[in-house]
């Protein structure tokens, strides 16, 4: 009786071992489902990468506006241009790579990974003229990085300031953002 029990037990174990594991069809179904989910999620992921890169431009343009406000108050009525005379005859960019730059007129530190920056100003000659400055963040590689243009303006009249930031409506779509 004991030997019959052993034989049946071994047969039972042999049957159960053949049912363990996945079949090739089951694995293919899982791979196809994962591929479909990845195809759905990838465009959204790339869009989020572009949006995160746009924060460089937004932050820099906002900092330039705030720096222009301080510069206007300290200089008694003028905004800083892209090339501003800071001391006797030293001309420099208003945005710099570090605060230690001798001529960093606005005290704005930027990185130029995805944008380069320019500023244009109009400083009136008399108190009734409107002084204004326009800062622009232009993408270096808009199609590859998936980023938009930004512009900011600030104006001063009668001792007050008004400012605003604008962005372009569309993201270039003839490429996908470079993912590091």
Protein backbone atom coordinates (compact mmCIF):
# COMPACT_ATOMS: atom_id res chain seq x y z
CA UNK A 1 0.00 0.00 0.00
CA UNK A 2 2.81 2.29 0.83
CA UNK A 3 4.42 1.79 -2.59
CA UNK A 4 1.12 2.54 -4.40
CA UNK A 5 0.80 5.75 -2.43
CA UNK A 6 4.33 6.76 -3.43
CA UNK A 7 3.67 6.09 -7.12
CA UNK A 8 0.45 8.09 -7.12
CA UNK A 9 2.10 10.91 -5.21
CA UNK A 10 4.97 11.04 -7.73
CA UNK A 11 2.49 11.02 -10.64
CA UNK A 12 0.60 13.87 -9.01
CA UNK A 13 3.81 15.89 -8.61
CA UNK A 14 4.80 15.20 -12.23
CA UNK A 15 1.44 16.53 -13.47
CA UNK A 16 1.70 19.70 -11.39
CA UNK A 17 5.27 20.42 -12.55
CA UNK A 18 4.15 20.49 -16.18
CA UNK A 19 1.64 23.26 -15.38
CA UNK A 20 4.21 25.62 -13.88
CA UNK A 21 5.55 28.63 -15.84
CA UNK A 22 4.21 30.79 -18.65
CA UNK A 23 3.49 29.79 -22.20
CA UNK A 24 4.96 31.70 -25.12
CA UNK A 25 1.55 33.08 -26.03
CA UNK A 26 1.02 34.46 -22.52
CA UNK A 27 4.40 36.21 -22.67
CA UNK A 28 3.63 37.68 -26.11
CA UNK A 29 0.29 39.04 -24.88
CA UNK A 30 2.02 40.74 -21.94
CA UNK A 31 4.70 42.24 -24.22
CA UNK A 32 2.04 43.58 -26.61
CA UNK A 33 0.05 45.16 -23.76
CA UNK A 34 3.18 46.81 -22.35
CA UNK A 35 4.05 48.11 -25.84
CA UNK A 36 0.61 49.64 -26.29
CA UNK A 37 0.79 51.33 -22.89
CA UNK A 38 4.25 52.70 -23.70
CA UNK A 39 3.03 54.06 -27.05
CA UNK A 40 0.22 55.87 -25.27
CA UNK A 41 2.40 57.29 -22.48
CA UNK A 42 5.49 58.31 -24.48
CA UNK A 43 4.09 61.49 -26.14
CA UNK A 44 2.85 62.72 -22.77
CA UNK A 45 6.26 62.06 -21.22
CA UNK A 46 8.05 63.96 -23.99
CA UNK A 47 5.63 66.88 -23.59
CA UNK A 48 6.39 67.02 -19.87
CA UNK A 49 10.12 67.08 -20.63
CA UNK A 50 9.60 70.10 -22.89
CA UNK A 51 7.52 71.86 -20.22
CA UNK A 52 10.19 71.29 -17.61
CA UNK A 53 12.79 72.78 -19.95
CA UNK A 54 10.60 75.85 -20.43
CA UNK A 55 11.01 76.73 -16.76
CA UNK A 56 14.53 77.97 -17.57
CA UNK A 57 13.08 80.63 -19.88
CA UNK A 58 10.18 81.54 -17.58
CA UNK A 59 12.40 81.90 -14.53
CA UNK A 60 15.04 83.94 -16.33
CA UNK A 61 12.52 86.31 -17.93
CA UNK A 62 10.77 86.84 -14.60
CA UNK A 63 14.10 87.51 -12.91
CA UNK A 64 15.02 90.01 -15.62
CA UNK A 65 11.72 91.86 -15.04
CA UNK A 66 12.36 92.06 -11.30
CA UNK A 67 15.97 93.08 -11.90
CA UNK A 68 14.84 95.79 -14.33
CA UNK A 69 12.51 97.15 -11.68
CA UNK A 70 15.34 97.42 -9.15
CA UNK A 71 17.74 98.85 -11.76
CA UNK A 72 15.16 101.48 -12.75
CA UNK A 73 14.72 102.60 -9.15
CA UNK A 74 18.47 102.66 -8.44
CA UNK A 75 19.40 104.42 -11.68
CA UNK A 76 16.66 107.02 -11.18
CA UNK A 77 14.67 106.31 -14.28
CA UNK A 78 16.45 104.07 -16.78
CA UNK A 79 16.12 100.42 -17.66
CA UNK A 80 19.19 98.32 -18.48
CA UNK A 81 19.68 97.36 -22.12
CA UNK A 82 21.38 94.21 -23.41
CA UNK A 83 24.65 96.08 -23.33
CA UNK A 84 24.64 98.51 -20.45
CA UNK A 85 27.44 100.73 -19.18
CA UNK A 86 27.86 99.72 -15.57
CA UNK A 87 30.91 101.70 -14.53
CA UNK A 88 32.98 104.27 -16.39
CA UNK A 89 33.27 102.50 -19.73
CA UNK A 90 32.68 98.83 -18.96
CA UNK A 91 29.99 97.36 -21.21
CA UNK A 92 28.52 93.99 -20.38
CA UNK A 93 25.48 91.78 -20.75
CA UNK A 94 22.73 92.35 -18.23
CA UNK A 95 22.41 88.65 -17.57
CA UNK A 96 25.44 86.64 -16.59
CA UNK A 97 26.60 83.16 -15.71
CA UNK A 98 27.40 84.13 -12.12
CA UNK A 99 26.84 86.96 -9.67
CA UNK A 100 30.60 87.43 -9.50
CA UNK A 101 30.71 88.80 -13.06
CA UNK A 102 31.93 92.37 -12.73
CA UNK A 103 29.24 93.90 -14.87
CA UNK A 104 26.18 91.88 -13.95
CA UNK A 105 23.94 94.96 -13.98
CA UNK A 106 20.69 93.29 -12.96
CA UNK A 107 22.09 90.66 -10.63
CA UNK A 108 20.41 87.97 -12.73
CA UNK A 109 22.18 84.65 -13.12
CA UNK A 110 21.03 82.48 -16.01
CA UNK A 111 21.99 79.25 -17.65
CA UNK A 112 21.77 79.06 -21.39
CA UNK A 113 21.00 75.38 -21.82
CA UNK A 114 17.84 75.83 -23.88
CA UNK A 115 17.45 79.62 -24.36
CA UNK A 116 19.45 82.71 -25.12
CA UNK A 117 18.31 86.08 -23.86
CA UNK A 118 18.11 89.62 -25.18
CA UNK A 119 16.73 92.88 -23.80
CA UNK A 120 15.59 96.01 -25.62
CA UNK A 121 14.71 99.24 -23.82
CA UNK A 122 13.24 102.64 -24.46
CA UNK A 123 14.08 105.22 -21.83
CA UNK A 124 12.14 108.47 -22.15
CA UNK A 125 13.90 111.81 -21.92
CA UNK A 126 11.32 113.54 -19.77
CA UNK A 127 9.08 112.46 -16.88
CA UNK A 128 5.95 112.13 -19.06
CA UNK A 129 7.56 109.60 -21.42
CA UNK A 130 6.94 105.93 -20.81
CA UNK A 131 10.06 103.92 -20.04
CA UNK A 132 9.85 100.27 -20.96
CA UNK A 133 12.01 97.21 -21.41
CA UNK A 134 11.29 94.02 -23.33
CA UNK A 135 13.20 90.86 -22.52
CA UNK A 136 13.08 87.86 -24.83
CA UNK A 137 13.98 84.22 -24.26
CA UNK A 138 14.59 82.62 -27.64
CA UNK A 139 14.99 78.84 -27.80
CA UNK A 140 18.34 77.64 -29.06
CA UNK A 141 16.89 74.45 -30.63
CA UNK A 142 13.10 74.69 -30.33
CA UNK A 143 12.29 71.62 -32.42
CA UNK A 144 14.70 69.33 -30.62
CA UNK A 145 14.02 70.61 -27.10
CA UNK A 146 10.24 71.05 -27.46
CA UNK A 147 10.23 74.58 -25.97
CA UNK A 148 8.41 77.83 -26.78
CA UNK A 149 9.45 81.48 -27.03
CA UNK A 150 8.91 83.81 -24.08
CA UNK A 151 8.79 87.60 -23.89
CA UNK A 152 8.40 89.84 -20.90
CA UNK A 153 7.76 93.54 -20.73
CA UNK A 154 7.99 96.07 -17.97
CA UNK A 155 7.04 99.73 -18.12
CA UNK A 156 7.38 102.62 -15.74
CA UNK A 157 5.22 105.72 -15.68
CA UNK A 158 4.40 108.11 -12.86
CA UNK A 159 6.39 106.17 -10.29
CA UNK A 160 4.70 102.81 -10.89
CA UNK A 161 5.54 99.64 -12.77
CA UNK A 162 3.51 97.31 -14.93
CA UNK A 163 4.88 94.02 -16.18
CA UNK A 164 3.79 90.90 -17.98
CA UNK A 165 5.12 87.67 -19.45
CA UNK A 166 3.90 86.07 -22.69
CA UNK A 167 4.64 82.72 -24.30
CA UNK A 168 4.09 81.50 -27.84
CA UNK A 169 1.04 79.32 -28.42
CA UNK A 170 2.63 76.36 -30.14
CA UNK A 171 5.44 73.99 -29.42
CA UNK A 172 7.39 73.00 -32.55
CA UNK A 173 6.42 69.43 -33.37
CA UNK A 174 8.73 68.40 -36.18
CA UNK A 175 10.92 66.51 -33.78
CA UNK A 176 10.93 64.96 -30.37
CA UNK A 177 12.76 66.46 -27.41
CA UNK A 178 16.23 65.14 -26.75
CA UNK A 179 16.07 63.06 -23.60
CA UNK A 180 19.38 62.92 -21.73
